[in-house]
Amino acid sequence: MKYIGLISDTHCTFDEKLREFLEPVDEVWHAGDFGNLETLSAIAHFKPLKAVYGNCDGTDIRQRVPYTQFFECEGMKVLMMHIGGYPGRYDFKAFQLINAHLPNLFICGHSHILKVMNDKKYDMMTINPGAAGNSGFHIVRTALRFKIDGGKIVEMEVGEWDRNNNKPL
């Protein structure tokens, strides 16, 4: 069993609220748009990190993390990229990678909108953790944590904070 913290779109924010929420996890997965190298480094020094870069990330970040990640975790095949879409509306590159790898779990970011959806066509869970940072149009900052046990996601929790005053909702 592995305990995962999932975030995206931090846009230069890795504050105490996120640290507290992610403290119990075994590793952090970041679905892109760190914002700067300092944020990537802070997260990587906090917990083991699996990550992809986002459209707002510069060359310094792109030299350290890939465009996509495909890996196995506790019996679950995982595909992660920044711009991905959701069931029935996948980005073309995501659609190609989903068909090539047939993951059990597809993770993306970019939209700043938290979505957890089952894609029955591909027998796959699609997760976008929303935006954990303060930059963007969203009002609520979000992050997820969950356990992967025997190829299944269990005990999923959502962290939510008001973007303007960082109070839990």
Protein backbone atom coordinates (compact mmCIF):
# COMPACT_ATOMS: atom_id res chain seq x y z
CA MET A 1 0.00 0.00 0.00
CA LYS A 2 1.22 3.47 -0.88
CA TYR A 3 -0.18 6.79 0.36
CA ILE A 4 -0.15 9.44 -2.39
CA GLY A 5 -0.52 13.21 -2.27
CA LEU A 6 -1.66 14.62 -5.62
CA ILE A 7 -1.29 18.28 -6.56
CA SER A 8 -1.07 20.42 -9.66
CA ASP A 9 -0.82 24.04 -10.71
CA THR A 10 1.05 25.26 -7.64
CA HIS A 11 2.28 28.31 -9.57
CA CYS A 12 5.04 29.17 -7.05
CA THR A 13 3.03 28.17 -3.95
CA PHE A 14 4.09 25.46 -1.51
CA ASP A 15 2.92 26.87 1.78
CA GLU A 16 2.19 25.53 5.24
CA LYS A 17 -1.40 24.55 4.34
CA LEU A 18 -0.17 22.22 1.59
CA ARG A 19 2.65 20.88 3.76
CA GLU A 20 0.21 20.04 6.56
CA PHE A 21 -2.17 18.29 4.19
CA LEU A 22 0.62 16.32 2.50
CA GLU A 23 2.58 15.50 5.67
CA PRO A 24 1.22 11.93 6.14
CA VAL A 25 1.72 10.79 2.51
CA ASP A 26 4.53 8.55 1.27
CA GLU A 27 5.12 10.51 -1.93
CA VAL A 28 3.81 13.52 -3.83
CA TRP A 29 2.70 13.44 -7.45
CA HIS A 30 2.62 16.83 -9.21
CA ALA A 31 0.75 17.19 -12.51
CA GLY A 32 2.61 20.27 -13.75
CA ASP A 33 2.85 24.05 -13.55
CA PHE A 34 5.21 24.32 -10.59
CA GLY A 35 5.78 27.96 -11.45
CA ASN A 36 9.45 28.06 -10.54
CA LEU A 37 12.39 25.83 -9.70
CA GLU A 38 12.25 26.80 -6.02
CA THR A 39 8.75 25.29 -5.72
CA LEU A 40 9.83 22.07 -7.43
CA SER A 41 12.89 21.84 -5.14
CA ALA A 42 10.85 22.53 -1.99
CA ILE A 43 8.40 19.74 -2.82
CA ALA A 44 11.18 17.31 -3.82
CA HIS A 45 12.98 17.95 -0.51
CA PHE A 46 9.72 17.53 1.42
CA LYS A 47 8.71 14.10 0.04
CA PRO A 48 9.69 11.78 -2.80
CA LEU A 49 8.30 13.39 -5.96
CA LYS A 50 6.93 12.09 -9.26
CA ALA A 51 6.14 14.97 -11.59
CA VAL A 52 5.59 16.30 -15.08
CA TYR A 53 6.09 19.82 -16.34
CA GLY A 54 3.26 22.12 -17.34
CA ASN A 55 2.76 24.70 -20.04
CA CYS A 56 3.80 27.53 -17.68
CA ASP A 57 7.02 25.82 -16.57
CA GLY A 58 10.29 27.08 -18.01
CA THR A 59 13.34 25.30 -19.34
CA ASP A 60 14.84 24.93 -15.85
CA ILE A 61 11.92 22.74 -14.77
CA ARG A 62 11.62 20.96 -18.14
CA GLN A 63 15.23 19.82 -17.76
CA ARG A 64 14.37 18.15 -14.44
CA VAL A 65 10.95 16.54 -14.98
CA PRO A 66 9.45 14.97 -18.12
CA TYR A 67 6.44 15.92 -20.24
CA THR A 68 4.70 12.63 -19.33
CA GLN A 69 5.18 9.87 -16.80
CA PHE A 70 4.00 6.28 -17.20
CA PHE A 71 4.68 4.04 -14.21
CA GLU A 72 3.24 1.33 -12.01
CA CYS A 73 2.28 1.86 -8.38
CA GLU A 74 1.01 -0.98 -6.21
CA GLY A 75 -0.42 -2.88 -9.17
CA MET A 76 -1.92 0.19 -10.85
CA LYS A 77 -0.68 1.51 -14.22
CA VAL A 78 -0.51 5.33 -14.03
CA LEU A 79 -0.23 7.87 -16.84
CA MET A 80 0.41 11.50 -15.85
CA MET A 81 0.66 14.64 -17.98
CA HIS A 82 -0.29 18.29 -17.54
CA ILE A 83 -2.82 18.99 -20.29
CA GLY A 84 -5.11 15.97 -20.54
CA GLY A 85 -8.82 16.67 -20.51
CA TYR A 86 -11.41 14.27 -19.17
CA PRO A 87 -13.55 11.33 -20.38
CA GLY A 88 -15.05 12.05 -23.77
CA ARG A 89 -12.95 15.24 -24.14
CA TYR A 90 -9.31 14.19 -23.96
CA ASP A 91 -6.59 16.34 -25.45
CA PHE A 92 -5.28 14.71 -28.65
CA LYS A 93 -1.86 13.85 -27.16
CA ALA A 94 -3.52 12.44 -24.04
CA PHE A 95 -5.87 10.39 -26.21
CA GLN A 96 -2.90 8.91 -28.08
CA LEU A 97 -1.04 8.05 -24.86
CA ILE A 98 -4.12 6.56 -23.20
CA ASN A 99 -4.63 4.28 -26.20
CA ALA A 100 -0.95 3.34 -26.30
CA HIS A 101 -0.54 2.59 -22.57
CA LEU A 102 -4.07 1.68 -21.41
CA PRO A 103 -3.52 2.97 -17.84
CA ASN A 104 -5.75 2.24 -14.87
CA LEU A 105 -5.30 5.81 -13.67
CA PHE A 106 -4.92 8.94 -15.80
CA ILE A 107 -3.76 12.10 -14.00
CA CYS A 108 -3.66 15.59 -15.43
CA GLY A 109 -3.84 19.21 -14.33
CA HIS A 110 -4.09 22.51 -16.21
CA SER A 111 -7.83 23.28 -15.86
CA HIS A 112 -7.61 24.37 -12.18
CA ILE A 113 -10.83 22.38 -11.71
CA LEU A 114 -10.91 19.37 -9.39
CA LYS A 115 -12.41 16.35 -11.19
CA VAL A 116 -12.44 12.67 -10.28
CA MET A 117 -14.19 10.67 -12.99
CA ASN A 118 -14.49 7.06 -14.04
CA ASP A 119 -13.96 6.49 -17.75
CA LYS A 120 -16.01 3.36 -18.48
CA LYS A 121 -14.78 3.18 -22.10
CA TYR A 122 -11.16 2.70 -20.97
CA ASP A 123 -11.92 1.15 -17.56
CA MET A 124 -9.80 3.91 -16.05
CA MET A 125 -10.05 6.53 -13.33
CA THR A 126 -9.30 10.08 -14.48
CA ILE A 127 -8.15 12.56 -11.82
CA ASN A 128 -7.38 16.27 -11.99
CA PRO A 129 -6.53 17.58 -8.50
CA GLY A 130 -7.40 21.18 -9.42
CA ALA A 131 -5.08 24.03 -8.50
CA ALA A 132 -3.06 23.97 -5.28
CA GLY A 133 -1.61 27.44 -5.86
CA ASN A 134 -2.89 30.99 -5.59
CA SER A 135 -2.50 32.03 -9.24
CA GLY A 136 -5.39 31.62 -11.67
CA PHE A 137 -9.13 32.08 -11.94
CA HIS A 138 -10.08 29.51 -9.28
CA ILE A 139 -11.51 30.59 -5.92
CA VAL A 140 -10.73 27.40 -4.01
CA ARG A 141 -7.29 25.79 -3.80
CA THR A 142 -7.47 21.99 -3.88
CA ALA A 143 -5.29 18.93 -3.36
CA LEU A 144 -5.96 15.22 -3.03
CA ARG A 145 -4.54 12.37 -1.04
CA PHE A 146 -5.40 8.70 -1.38
CA LYS A 147 -4.03 5.23 -0.91
CA ILE A 148 -3.32 2.72 -3.65
CA ASP A 149 -3.73 -0.81 -2.38
CA GLY A 150 -3.77 -3.89 -4.57
CA GLY A 151 -4.42 -1.90 -7.74
CA LYS A 152 -7.30 0.06 -6.21
CA ILE A 153 -7.66 3.64 -4.99
CA VAL A 154 -9.03 3.81 -1.45
CA GLU A 155 -9.60 6.48 1.22
CA MET A 156 -9.50 9.51 -1.09
CA GLU A 157 -9.56 12.87 0.69
CA VAL A 158 -9.88 16.40 -0.67
CA GLY A 159 -8.06 19.35 0.83
CA GLU A 160 -9.73 22.71 0.13
CA TRP A 161 -8.62 26.19 1.09
CA ASP A 162 -10.03 29.58 0.26
CA ARG A 163 -7.54 31.15 -2.14
CA ASN A 164 -7.69 34.60 -0.63
CA ASN A 165 -7.21 33.87 3.04
CA ASN A 166 -6.04 30.22 3.00
CA LYS A 167 -8.65 29.11 5.52
CA PRO A 168 -9.90 25.51 5.24
CA LEU A 169 -13.40 25.27 3.80
